[in-house]
């Protein structure tokens, strides 16, 4: 049974990795790495997100400013759209697995 479960999980992972959205995420991410300005904005956003959490979730306008600037960059916007779809696939699978194991053990 464990081998079957592992095989099915591998199939699910391969399905996600072979999906157009995942492939596009990887392609776009590689392109984004070549854009210094974009990478600087992303690093700035990450830094401000950390500050936002450390400051008790105050100063959201600082985050919004960078997020809006990033969303105006077409490659970043496309990347985020594809990433959202990949995350939805993963979330759906996670929910299904949680339901399956909950029903199996309860």
N, C-alpha and C. Protein backbone atom coordinates (compact mmCIF):
# COMPACT_ATOMS: atom_id res chain seq x y z
N UNK A 1 0.83 -1.20 0.00
CA UNK A 1 0.00 0.00 0.00
C UNK A 1 0.87 1.26 0.00
N UNK A 2 1.97 1.22 0.75
CA UNK A 2 2.85 2.38 0.82
C UNK A 2 3.46 2.66 -0.56
N UNK A 3 3.83 1.59 -1.28
CA UNK A 3 4.38 1.76 -2.62
C UNK A 3 3.34 2.37 -3.55
N UNK A 4 2.11 1.92 -3.44
CA UNK A 4 1.04 2.47 -4.27
C UNK A 4 0.83 3.95 -3.97
N UNK A 5 0.83 4.28 -2.70
CA UNK A 5 0.65 5.67 -2.28
C UNK A 5 1.79 6.54 -2.81
N UNK A 6 3.02 6.05 -2.66
CA UNK A 6 4.17 6.80 -3.18
C UNK A 6 4.08 6.99 -4.69
N UNK A 7 3.66 5.95 -5.39
CA UNK A 7 3.52 6.03 -6.86
C UNK A 7 2.47 7.07 -7.23
N UNK A 8 1.35 7.07 -6.54
CA UNK A 8 0.29 8.04 -6.83
C UNK A 8 0.75 9.46 -6.52
N UNK A 9 1.47 9.63 -5.43
CA UNK A 9 1.98 10.96 -5.10
C UNK A 9 2.99 11.44 -6.15
N UNK A 10 3.84 10.54 -6.60
CA UNK A 10 4.78 10.88 -7.67
C UNK A 10 4.03 11.28 -8.94
N UNK A 11 2.95 10.58 -9.25
CA UNK A 11 2.13 10.91 -10.42
C UNK A 11 1.53 12.31 -10.29
N UNK A 12 1.06 12.62 -9.10
CA UNK A 12 0.47 13.94 -8.85
C UNK A 12 1.53 15.03 -9.01
N UNK A 13 2.70 14.78 -8.45
CA UNK A 13 3.80 15.76 -8.57
C UNK A 13 4.18 15.95 -10.02
N UNK A 14 4.29 14.88 -10.77
CA UNK A 14 4.62 14.98 -12.19
C UNK A 14 3.53 15.72 -12.97
N UNK A 15 2.29 15.48 -12.61
CA UNK A 15 1.19 16.18 -13.28
C UNK A 15 1.32 17.68 -13.07
N UNK A 16 1.62 18.08 -11.86
CA UNK A 16 1.79 19.51 -11.58
C UNK A 16 3.00 20.05 -12.33
N UNK A 17 4.13 19.34 -12.25
CA UNK A 17 5.35 19.80 -12.91
C UNK A 17 5.21 19.87 -14.43
N UNK A 18 4.35 19.04 -14.99
CA UNK A 18 4.15 19.03 -16.43
C UNK A 18 3.03 19.98 -16.87
N UNK A 19 2.39 20.61 -15.91
CA UNK A 19 1.30 21.53 -16.27
C UNK A 19 1.87 22.79 -16.92
N UNK A 20 1.10 23.38 -17.79
CA UNK A 20 1.51 24.60 -18.47
C UNK A 20 1.83 25.71 -17.47
N UNK A 21 1.01 25.83 -16.45
CA UNK A 21 1.23 26.90 -15.47
C UNK A 21 2.56 26.75 -14.74
N UNK A 22 2.90 25.55 -14.35
CA UNK A 22 4.17 25.32 -13.66
C UNK A 22 5.34 25.60 -14.59
N UNK A 23 5.24 25.09 -15.80
CA UNK A 23 6.30 25.30 -16.79
C UNK A 23 6.49 26.79 -17.06
N UNK A 24 5.39 27.52 -17.17
CA UNK A 24 5.48 28.97 -17.38
C UNK A 24 6.10 29.66 -16.17
N UNK A 25 5.76 29.22 -14.98
CA UNK A 25 6.37 29.80 -13.76
C UNK A 25 7.88 29.67 -13.80
N UNK A 26 8.35 28.50 -14.12
CA UNK A 26 9.79 28.26 -14.17
C UNK A 26 10.44 29.12 -15.25
N UNK A 27 9.83 29.16 -16.42
CA UNK A 27 10.37 29.94 -17.54
C UNK A 27 10.43 31.42 -17.19
N UNK A 28 9.33 31.94 -16.64
CA UNK A 28 9.27 33.35 -16.29
C UNK A 28 10.22 33.69 -15.15
N UNK A 29 10.35 32.80 -14.20
CA UNK A 29 11.26 33.03 -13.07
C UNK A 29 12.70 33.17 -13.57
N UNK A 30 13.08 32.33 -14.52
CA UNK A 30 14.42 32.42 -15.09
C UNK A 30 14.62 33.75 -15.82
N UNK A 31 13.60 34.19 -16.53
CA UNK A 31 13.69 35.48 -17.22
C UNK A 31 13.78 36.63 -16.21
N UNK A 32 13.00 36.54 -15.15
CA UNK A 32 13.00 37.60 -14.14
C UNK A 32 14.36 37.73 -13.47
N UNK A 33 15.06 36.62 -13.27
CA UNK A 33 16.37 36.64 -12.62
C UNK A 33 17.37 37.48 -13.40
N UNK A 34 17.13 37.65 -14.69
CA UNK A 34 18.05 38.41 -15.54
C UNK A 34 17.78 39.91 -15.49
N UNK A 35 16.69 40.30 -14.85
CA UNK A 35 16.31 41.71 -14.78
C UNK A 35 16.68 42.26 -13.40
N UNK A 36 17.76 43.02 -13.34
CA UNK A 36 18.27 43.52 -12.05
C UNK A 36 17.26 44.41 -11.33
N UNK A 37 16.60 45.28 -12.08
CA UNK A 37 15.62 46.19 -11.48
C UNK A 37 14.47 45.40 -10.85
N UNK A 38 13.99 44.42 -11.57
CA UNK A 38 12.89 43.59 -11.06
C UNK A 38 13.33 42.83 -9.82
N UNK A 39 14.50 42.24 -9.85
CA UNK A 39 14.99 41.48 -8.70
C UNK A 39 15.19 42.40 -7.49
N UNK A 40 15.63 43.62 -7.73
CA UNK A 40 15.78 44.58 -6.64
C UNK A 40 14.42 44.90 -6.01
N UNK A 41 13.41 45.09 -6.85
CA UNK A 41 12.06 45.36 -6.33
C UNK A 41 11.53 44.17 -5.53
N UNK A 42 11.78 42.98 -6.01
CA UNK A 42 11.32 41.77 -5.30
C UNK A 42 12.02 41.66 -3.95
N UNK A 43 13.31 41.92 -3.92
CA UNK A 43 14.05 41.88 -2.65
C UNK A 43 13.56 42.96 -1.69
N UNK A 44 13.26 44.13 -2.25
CA UNK A 44 12.72 45.22 -1.42
C UNK A 44 11.37 44.81 -0.83
N UNK A 45 10.54 44.17 -1.65
CA UNK A 45 9.24 43.71 -1.17
C UNK A 45 9.41 42.70 -0.04
N UNK A 46 10.30 41.74 -0.23
CA UNK A 46 10.54 40.73 0.80
C UNK A 46 11.01 41.38 2.11
N UNK A 47 11.90 42.34 1.98
CA UNK A 47 12.42 43.04 3.15
C UNK A 47 11.30 43.79 3.87
N UNK A 48 10.47 44.48 3.10
CA UNK A 48 9.37 45.23 3.71
C UNK A 48 8.31 44.31 4.31
N UNK A 49 8.13 43.13 3.71
CA UNK A 49 7.19 42.16 4.29
C UNK A 49 7.68 41.71 5.65
N UNK A 50 8.98 41.48 5.77
CA UNK A 50 9.54 41.08 7.07
C UNK A 50 9.36 42.19 8.10
N UNK A 51 9.62 43.43 7.69
CA UNK A 51 9.43 44.57 8.58
C UNK A 51 7.96 44.70 8.99
N UNK A 52 7.07 44.47 8.05
CA UNK A 52 5.64 44.56 8.30
C UNK A 52 5.23 43.59 9.40
N UNK A 53 5.74 42.36 9.33
CA UNK A 53 5.42 41.35 10.35
C UNK A 53 6.06 41.73 11.68
N UNK A 54 7.32 42.16 11.66
CA UNK A 54 8.02 42.54 12.89
C UNK A 54 7.35 43.72 13.58
N UNK A 55 6.77 44.62 12.78
CA UNK A 55 6.13 45.81 13.34
C UNK A 55 4.66 45.60 13.70
N UNK A 56 4.28 44.35 13.82
CA UNK A 56 2.91 44.06 14.23
C UNK A 56 1.88 44.41 13.17
N UNK A 57 2.25 44.20 11.91
CA UNK A 57 1.35 44.42 10.77
C UNK A 57 0.95 45.88 10.60
N UNK A 58 1.90 46.76 10.87
CA UNK A 58 1.68 48.19 10.65
C UNK A 58 2.53 48.64 9.47
N UNK A 59 2.03 49.59 8.71
CA UNK A 59 2.77 50.14 7.58
C UNK A 59 2.48 49.42 6.28
N UNK A 60 1.24 49.02 6.11
CA UNK A 60 0.85 48.27 4.92
C UNK A 60 1.01 49.10 3.63
N UNK A 61 0.87 50.42 3.72
CA UNK A 61 0.97 51.25 2.53
C UNK A 61 2.34 51.13 1.87
N UNK A 62 3.37 50.89 2.65
CA UNK A 62 4.72 50.69 2.13
C UNK A 62 4.78 49.43 1.27
N UNK A 63 4.10 48.40 1.73
CA UNK A 63 4.03 47.15 0.97
C UNK A 63 3.23 47.34 -0.32
N UNK A 64 2.09 47.96 -0.18
CA UNK A 64 1.20 48.16 -1.32
C UNK A 64 1.89 48.91 -2.45
N UNK A 65 2.70 49.89 -2.08
CA UNK A 65 3.42 50.69 -3.07
C UNK A 65 4.32 49.81 -3.94
N UNK A 66 5.10 48.95 -3.30
CA UNK A 66 6.01 48.05 -4.02
C UNK A 66 5.22 47.01 -4.80
N UNK A 67 4.17 46.45 -4.19
CA UNK A 67 3.35 45.45 -4.88
C UNK A 67 2.74 46.03 -6.15
N UNK A 68 2.23 47.25 -6.06
CA UNK A 68 1.64 47.90 -7.23
C UNK A 68 2.67 48.13 -8.33
N UNK A 69 3.86 48.53 -7.91
CA UNK A 69 4.93 48.76 -8.88
C UNK A 69 5.31 47.45 -9.58
N UNK A 70 5.39 46.38 -8.80
CA UNK A 70 5.71 45.07 -9.38
C UNK A 70 4.62 44.58 -10.33
N UNK A 71 3.37 44.78 -9.96
CA UNK A 71 2.25 44.31 -10.78
C UNK A 71 2.15 45.04 -12.11
N UNK A 72 2.80 46.18 -12.21
CA UNK A 72 2.81 46.92 -13.47
C UNK A 72 3.85 46.37 -14.44
N UNK A 73 4.70 45.49 -13.97
CA UNK A 73 5.71 44.86 -14.82
C UNK A 73 5.09 43.58 -15.39
N UNK A 74 4.89 43.52 -16.71
CA UNK A 74 4.16 42.40 -17.33
C UNK A 74 4.70 41.01 -16.99
N UNK A 75 6.00 40.85 -16.99
CA UNK A 75 6.56 39.52 -16.72
C UNK A 75 6.25 39.08 -15.28
N UNK A 76 6.30 40.01 -14.35
CA UNK A 76 5.99 39.70 -12.96
C UNK A 76 4.50 39.38 -12.81
N UNK A 77 3.65 40.17 -13.45
CA UNK A 77 2.21 39.93 -13.38
C UNK A 77 1.85 38.55 -13.95
N UNK A 78 2.46 38.20 -15.08
CA UNK A 78 2.21 36.89 -15.69
C UNK A 78 2.70 35.77 -14.77
N UNK A 79 3.88 35.97 -14.19
CA UNK A 79 4.43 34.98 -13.26
C UNK A 79 3.47 34.75 -12.09
N UNK A 80 2.98 35.83 -11.52
CA UNK A 80 2.08 35.72 -10.37
C UNK A 80 0.77 35.03 -10.74
N UNK A 81 0.26 35.27 -11.94
CA UNK A 81 -0.97 34.59 -12.39
C UNK A 81 -0.75 33.09 -12.47
N UNK A 82 0.36 32.69 -13.08
CA UNK A 82 0.65 31.26 -13.21
C UNK A 82 0.93 30.64 -11.84
N UNK A 83 1.64 31.36 -11.00
CA UNK A 83 1.95 30.87 -9.66
C UNK A 83 0.67 30.65 -8.86
N UNK A 84 -0.28 31.56 -8.99
CA UNK A 84 -1.56 31.42 -8.29
C UNK A 84 -2.27 30.13 -8.72
N UNK A 85 -2.23 29.84 -10.00
CA UNK A 85 -2.88 28.61 -10.50
C UNK A 85 -2.17 27.36 -9.99
N UNK A 86 -0.84 27.39 -9.95
CA UNK A 86 -0.09 26.26 -9.41
C UNK A 86 -0.42 26.07 -7.93
N UNK A 87 -0.45 27.17 -7.19
CA UNK A 87 -0.79 27.09 -5.76
C UNK A 87 -2.21 26.57 -5.55
N UNK A 88 -3.14 26.92 -6.44
CA UNK A 88 -4.50 26.40 -6.34
C UNK A 88 -4.52 24.89 -6.56
N UNK A 89 -3.73 24.40 -7.52
CA UNK A 89 -3.65 22.96 -7.75
C UNK A 89 -3.13 22.26 -6.50
N UNK A 90 -2.07 22.80 -5.93
CA UNK A 90 -1.47 22.19 -4.74
C UNK A 90 -2.45 22.23 -3.58
N UNK A 91 -3.13 23.33 -3.41
CA UNK A 91 -4.10 23.46 -2.33
C UNK A 91 -5.24 22.46 -2.49
N UNK A 92 -5.71 22.31 -3.72
CA UNK A 92 -6.79 21.35 -4.00
C UNK A 92 -6.35 19.94 -3.64
N UNK A 93 -5.16 19.57 -4.04
CA UNK A 93 -4.64 18.24 -3.75
C UNK A 93 -4.46 18.06 -2.25
N UNK A 94 -3.96 19.07 -1.59
CA UNK A 94 -3.78 19.01 -0.14
C UNK A 94 -5.13 18.80 0.56
N UNK A 95 -6.14 19.54 0.13
CA UNK A 95 -7.48 19.38 0.73
C UNK A 95 -8.02 17.97 0.50
N UNK A 96 -7.84 17.47 -0.71
CA UNK A 96 -8.33 16.12 -1.01
C UNK A 96 -7.59 15.07 -0.18
N UNK A 97 -6.29 15.22 -0.04
CA UNK A 97 -5.53 14.27 0.78
C UNK A 97 -5.92 14.36 2.25
N UNK A 98 -6.11 15.56 2.74
CA UNK A 98 -6.55 15.72 4.12
C UNK A 98 -7.90 15.05 4.35
N UNK A 99 -8.83 15.25 3.43
CA UNK A 99 -10.15 14.61 3.53
C UNK A 99 -10.02 13.09 3.48
N UNK A 100 -9.20 12.60 2.57
CA UNK A 100 -9.01 11.16 2.42
C UNK A 100 -8.50 10.55 3.71
N UNK A 101 -7.42 11.13 4.27
CA UNK A 101 -6.83 10.56 5.47
C UNK A 101 -7.73 10.76 6.70
N UNK A 102 -8.45 11.86 6.73
CA UNK A 102 -9.39 12.07 7.83
C UNK A 102 -10.47 10.98 7.81
N UNK A 103 -11.03 10.72 6.64
CA UNK A 103 -12.06 9.69 6.51
C UNK A 103 -11.50 8.29 6.75
N UNK A 104 -10.27 8.09 6.37
CA UNK A 104 -9.64 6.77 6.54
C UNK A 104 -9.41 6.45 8.01
N UNK A 105 -9.01 7.45 8.78
CA UNK A 105 -8.66 7.21 10.18
C UNK A 105 -9.76 7.56 11.18
N UNK A 106 -10.88 8.09 10.71
CA UNK A 106 -11.97 8.43 11.63
C UNK A 106 -13.23 7.66 11.33
